[in-house]
Every structure is written in C-alpha cells, then in structure tokens.
N, C-alpha and C. Protein backbone atom coordinates (compact mmCIF):
# COMPACT_ATOMS: atom_id res chain seq x y z
N UNK A 1 135.37 91.67 75.49
CA UNK A 1 136.38 92.00 77.07
C UNK A 1 136.88 91.45 77.26
N UNK A 2 138.61 91.11 78.27
CA UNK A 2 138.99 90.96 79.53
C UNK A 2 139.20 91.48 80.48
N UNK A 3 138.46 91.63 81.20
CA UNK A 3 137.79 92.64 82.61
C UNK A 3 139.36 92.09 83.00
N UNK A 4 140.12 91.09 83.61
CA UNK A 4 141.49 90.78 83.97
C UNK A 4 142.49 91.45 83.91
N UNK A 5 142.69 92.43 82.95
CA UNK A 5 144.05 93.12 82.10
C UNK A 5 143.01 94.71 82.10
N UNK A 6 142.08 94.82 82.32
CA UNK A 6 141.28 96.11 82.04
C UNK A 6 141.74 96.84 83.43
N UNK A 7 141.63 96.11 84.31
CA UNK A 7 141.12 96.87 85.68
C UNK A 7 142.19 96.79 86.41
N UNK A 8 142.84 98.39 87.65
CA UNK A 8 143.44 98.84 87.20
C UNK A 8 143.29 98.99 89.50
N UNK A 9 144.66 98.78 90.15
CA UNK A 9 144.02 99.12 91.74
C UNK A 9 143.13 100.54 91.96
N UNK A 10 142.54 100.28 92.54
CA UNK A 10 142.31 99.82 93.55
C UNK A 10 141.96 97.93 93.24
N UNK A 11 140.63 98.18 91.76
CA UNK A 11 140.05 97.23 91.82
C UNK A 11 141.10 95.73 91.94
N UNK A 12 140.24 94.94 92.30
CA UNK A 12 141.08 92.97 92.10
C UNK A 12 139.97 92.27 91.67
N UNK A 13 140.03 91.13 90.44
CA UNK A 13 139.44 90.33 90.01
C UNK A 13 138.78 89.07 91.69
N UNK A 14 137.78 89.20 91.90
CA UNK A 14 137.81 87.93 92.41
C UNK A 14 137.74 86.37 92.69
N UNK A 15 138.19 85.84 94.09
CA UNK A 15 137.71 84.30 93.54
C UNK A 15 136.67 83.53 94.04
N UNK A 16 136.36 82.76 92.97
CA UNK A 16 135.53 82.18 93.66
C UNK A 16 134.47 82.26 94.42
N UNK A 17 135.57 81.72 96.28
CA UNK A 17 135.26 81.66 96.75
C UNK A 17 134.79 83.71 97.54
N UNK A 18 135.51 84.49 97.28
CA UNK A 18 135.10 85.49 97.59
C UNK A 18 134.03 86.03 97.76
N UNK A 19 133.99 85.32 95.49
CA UNK A 19 132.60 86.21 94.94
C UNK A 19 130.53 85.58 95.87
N UNK A 20 131.29 83.99 95.75
CA UNK A 20 130.51 83.53 96.64
C UNK A 20 129.15 84.47 98.03
N UNK A 21 131.23 85.16 98.66
CA UNK A 21 130.21 85.92 100.07
C UNK A 21 130.00 87.19 99.46
N UNK A 22 129.90 87.47 98.42
CA UNK A 22 129.75 88.79 98.31
C UNK A 22 128.98 88.59 97.49
N UNK A 23 128.27 87.91 96.96
CA UNK A 23 127.44 87.85 96.20
C UNK A 23 125.67 86.82 97.76
N UNK A 24 126.10 86.59 98.20
CA UNK A 24 125.28 86.54 100.13
C UNK A 24 125.52 86.97 100.50
N UNK A 25 125.76 88.22 100.67
CA UNK A 25 125.96 89.82 101.61
C UNK A 25 124.67 90.53 100.69
N UNK A 26 124.73 90.48 98.67
CA UNK A 26 124.36 91.28 98.59
C UNK A 26 123.12 90.51 98.74
N UNK A 27 123.11 89.53 98.66
CA UNK A 27 121.14 89.09 98.51
C UNK A 27 121.08 89.31 100.41
N UNK A 28 121.27 89.38 101.04
CA UNK A 28 120.83 89.88 102.56
C UNK A 28 121.02 91.40 102.27
N UNK A 29 120.78 92.39 101.99
CA UNK A 29 120.75 93.02 101.48
C UNK A 29 120.25 94.04 100.46
N UNK A 30 119.70 93.02 100.22
CA UNK A 30 118.17 93.40 99.15
C UNK A 30 116.82 93.13 100.13
N UNK A 31 116.12 94.61 99.99
CA UNK A 31 114.63 93.89 100.00
C UNK A 31 113.65 94.26 98.41
N UNK A 32 112.38 93.12 98.40
CA UNK A 32 111.10 94.28 97.72
C UNK A 32 111.51 94.63 96.96
N UNK A 33 111.05 95.94 97.35
CA UNK A 33 111.59 96.72 96.36
C UNK A 33 112.42 98.03 96.03
N UNK A 34 113.69 96.66 95.94
CA UNK A 34 115.45 97.32 95.74
C UNK A 34 114.87 96.86 93.96
N UNK A 35 116.03 97.87 93.74
CA UNK A 35 116.09 97.54 91.71
C UNK A 35 116.59 95.77 91.45
N UNK A 36 117.49 96.37 92.71
CA UNK A 36 117.97 95.07 91.95
C UNK A 36 117.53 93.15 92.15
N UNK A 37 116.24 93.63 93.31
CA UNK A 37 116.21 92.73 94.10
C UNK A 37 115.41 91.47 92.70
N UNK A 38 115.90 90.10 93.05
CA UNK A 38 116.01 88.69 91.95
C UNK A 38 116.45 88.48 91.67
N UNK A 39 117.54 89.79 90.72
CA UNK A 39 118.72 89.99 89.23
C UNK A 39 119.43 88.92 89.08
N UNK A 40 119.74 88.02 88.80
CA UNK A 40 121.13 87.12 88.71
C UNK A 40 122.60 87.38 89.45
N UNK A 41 122.78 88.38 89.97
CA UNK A 41 124.01 89.05 89.96
C UNK A 41 125.29 88.20 90.68
N UNK A 42 126.42 88.18 89.95
CA UNK A 42 127.17 87.31 90.56
C UNK A 42 128.59 88.43 90.46
N UNK A 43 129.04 88.35 91.82
CA UNK A 43 130.51 89.59 92.24
C UNK A 43 131.28 89.26 91.30
N UNK A 44 132.33 89.98 90.71
CA UNK A 44 133.20 89.82 89.85
C UNK A 44 134.59 90.75 90.28
N UNK A 45 134.51 91.50 90.86
CA UNK A 45 135.47 92.17 91.10
C UNK A 45 135.20 93.07 92.66
N UNK A 46 135.92 93.79 93.03
CA UNK A 46 135.56 94.63 94.38
C UNK A 46 136.52 95.60 93.84
N UNK A 47 136.09 96.19 94.84
CA UNK A 47 137.34 97.60 95.13
C UNK A 47 138.37 97.44 96.54
N UNK A 48 139.72 97.57 96.36
CA UNK A 48 140.06 97.08 97.92
C UNK A 48 139.61 98.84 98.77
N UNK A 49 139.28 99.87 97.28
CA UNK A 49 139.81 100.98 99.11
C UNK A 49 138.62 101.71 99.35
N UNK A 50 137.65 101.05 99.37
CA UNK A 50 136.21 101.18 99.72
C UNK A 50 135.21 99.53 99.74
N UNK A 51 133.68 99.83 99.95
CA UNK A 51 132.88 98.52 99.69
C UNK A 51 132.08 98.45 98.36
N UNK A 52 132.39 98.97 97.50
CA UNK A 52 132.18 98.92 96.48
C UNK A 52 132.21 96.91 95.11
N UNK A 53 130.88 96.88 94.62
CA UNK A 53 131.71 95.81 94.23
C UNK A 53 131.19 95.51 93.09
N UNK A 54 131.64 94.98 91.74
CA UNK A 54 131.23 95.17 90.11
C UNK A 54 130.26 94.25 90.10
N UNK A 55 128.91 93.37 90.01
CA UNK A 55 128.52 92.92 89.82
C UNK A 55 127.87 92.64 88.00
N UNK A 56 128.51 91.34 87.66
CA UNK A 56 127.79 91.20 86.52
C UNK A 56 126.32 90.79 86.85
N UNK A 57 124.67 90.78 85.68
CA UNK A 57 123.98 90.53 85.22
C UNK A 57 124.27 89.46 84.22
N UNK A 58 123.98 88.31 84.47
CA UNK A 58 123.63 87.06 84.11
C UNK A 58 122.82 87.06 82.85
N UNK A 59 121.75 87.45 82.98
CA UNK A 59 120.75 87.46 81.77
C UNK A 59 121.36 88.52 81.01
N UNK A 60 121.44 90.36 81.53
CA UNK A 60 121.24 91.00 80.24
C UNK A 60 122.85 91.54 79.82
N UNK A 61 123.75 90.68 80.36
CA UNK A 61 125.24 90.84 80.63
C UNK A 61 125.49 92.80 80.45
N UNK A 62 124.90 93.07 81.91
CA UNK A 62 125.52 95.00 82.10
C UNK A 62 125.79 94.43 83.42
N UNK A 63 126.62 95.52 83.93
CA UNK A 63 127.11 95.28 84.88
C UNK A 63 126.47 96.85 86.04
N UNK A 64 126.67 96.50 86.85
CA UNK A 64 125.96 96.37 88.55
C UNK A 64 127.49 97.18 89.37
N UNK A 65 128.05 98.15 89.96
CA UNK A 65 128.46 98.54 90.90
C UNK A 65 127.87 98.80 91.76
N UNK A 66 128.08 97.66 93.22
CA UNK A 66 127.37 98.22 94.27
C UNK A 66 128.33 99.18 95.05
N UNK A 67 127.90 99.47 95.98
CA UNK A 67 127.83 100.01 97.04
C UNK A 67 127.24 98.82 98.00
N UNK A 68 127.78 98.01 99.51
CA UNK A 68 127.23 97.52 100.41
C UNK A 68 127.16 98.11 101.50
N UNK A 69 126.62 97.82 102.31
CA UNK A 69 126.62 98.85 103.50
C UNK A 69 126.76 97.67 104.54
N UNK A 70 126.69 96.23 104.36
CA UNK A 70 127.19 95.84 105.33
C UNK A 70 126.21 95.62 106.51
N UNK A 71 124.49 95.74 106.03
CA UNK A 71 123.48 96.14 106.75
C UNK A 71 121.73 95.47 106.76
N UNK A 72 120.69 95.13 106.62
CA UNK A 72 119.95 95.26 106.40
C UNK A 72 118.86 96.24 106.22
N UNK A 73 118.24 96.65 104.79
CA UNK A 73 118.56 98.52 104.45
C UNK A 73 116.59 98.38 104.96
N UNK A 74 117.16 99.49 105.78
CA UNK A 74 115.20 99.71 105.34
C UNK A 74 114.13 99.56 104.77
N UNK A 75 114.62 100.54 103.23
CA UNK A 75 114.28 100.37 102.38
C UNK A 75 114.45 100.12 101.01
N UNK A 76 114.31 100.07 100.06
CA UNK A 76 115.18 100.14 98.70
C UNK A 76 115.75 100.55 97.38
N UNK A 77 116.57 101.84 99.21
CA UNK A 77 116.82 102.93 98.70
C UNK A 77 118.55 102.49 98.45
N UNK A 78 119.19 101.61 99.11
CA UNK A 78 119.77 100.99 99.06
C UNK A 78 119.79 99.63 99.30
N UNK A 79 121.14 99.38 99.17
CA UNK A 79 122.43 99.46 98.81
C UNK A 79 122.47 100.07 96.68
N UNK A 80 122.86 101.54 97.57
CA UNK A 80 123.65 102.24 95.94
C UNK A 80 123.86 101.61 94.88
N UNK A 81 123.88 102.66 93.50
CA UNK A 81 124.66 100.70 92.69
C UNK A 81 123.95 102.06 91.75
N UNK A 82 125.28 102.04 90.70
CA UNK A 82 125.06 102.39 89.20
C UNK A 82 125.14 101.27 88.19
N UNK A 83 124.80 101.12 86.53
CA UNK A 83 124.50 100.88 85.84
C UNK A 83 125.63 100.87 84.44
N UNK A 84 126.33 99.84 84.84
CA UNK A 84 127.37 100.03 83.32
C UNK A 84 126.07 99.32 81.76
N UNK A 85 126.82 99.37 81.47
CA UNK A 85 125.20 98.64 79.63
C UNK A 85 126.98 97.99 79.56
N UNK A 86 128.32 98.51 79.42
CA UNK A 86 129.27 96.99 78.85
C UNK A 86 130.35 96.88 79.83
N UNK A 87 131.27 96.32 79.70
CA UNK A 87 132.54 96.46 80.63
C UNK A 87 133.37 98.04 80.07
N UNK A 88 133.34 97.88 79.49
CA UNK A 88 134.33 99.25 78.78
C UNK A 88 133.48 100.52 79.85
N UNK A 89 131.95 100.80 80.01
CA UNK A 89 131.50 101.96 80.05
C UNK A 89 132.24 101.86 82.12
N UNK A 90 131.89 100.61 82.09
CA UNK A 90 132.59 100.41 83.89
C UNK A 90 134.32 101.35 83.54
N UNK A 91 134.78 100.60 83.41
CA UNK A 91 136.13 100.81 82.84
C UNK A 91 136.50 102.13 83.18
N UNK A 92 135.40 103.22 81.88
CA UNK A 92 136.47 104.71 81.51
C UNK A 92 135.17 104.86 82.85
N UNK A 93 134.67 104.71 83.57
CA UNK A 93 134.09 105.35 84.71
C UNK A 93 135.46 104.98 85.71
N UNK A 94 135.99 104.54 86.53
CA UNK A 94 136.75 103.84 86.74
C UNK A 94 138.10 104.89 86.38
N UNK A 95 138.39 104.73 85.72
CA UNK A 95 140.44 106.26 84.82
C UNK A 95 139.72 107.77 84.99
N UNK A 96 138.03 107.86 84.74
CA UNK A 96 138.26 109.14 85.74
C UNK A 96 138.11 109.67 86.89
N UNK A 97 138.24 108.40 87.80
CA UNK A 97 138.27 108.62 89.15
C UNK A 97 140.05 108.65 89.67
N UNK A 98 141.15 108.05 88.68
CA UNK A 98 141.71 107.94 88.72
C UNK A 98 143.72 109.22 89.26
C-alpha cells in the first residue's frame, strides 16, 4: 500500500532529515519501562495539527501513532501511543477524525 497517496491533511510524509530528527526525539523521550523502548522505529509521517508522528516498526511492519511530549518523561506512561497492525488501519482511524 502506498502511504504517499493515502495520507490526507493534516498528515505529511517526512523528508529524511526530518524523520531522523523525530526518530532522535522519540529516543530522548523513552525510558526503559516504556513499551516502545528499544523498538526499531522509523518516523514516516507527522501531523501538522498536533505533535503526533506515525512511526513504522521495521522489525514487524506495525505502525505506531505516537504523541511526542518534547520532554523527558518521569515514567513509561508517556509518550502516549496507539498501535496499528497495518497501514490501512491507521488510514481508517484518520478518516474517522475528518
């Protein structure tokens, strides 16, 4: 499935430098007891309406919608996230908010 043709406003596909920056930010926000800690995640899209970023798990090809907090959390509760088994599930989730 082609993510480029499916995403709609406010979602934008990321250029490589932006993706690297968001990957680094996610690592900064992780603590060891967070469920996403240590996963091989790569940012693929972000919302221009809020601090949500769509990450792809390169090991199992799941997707994670992560709400970045732009700070180091105290616990593994943040950043909050939702799991999508496939890209189509994420697209349907987004369409529910249009």
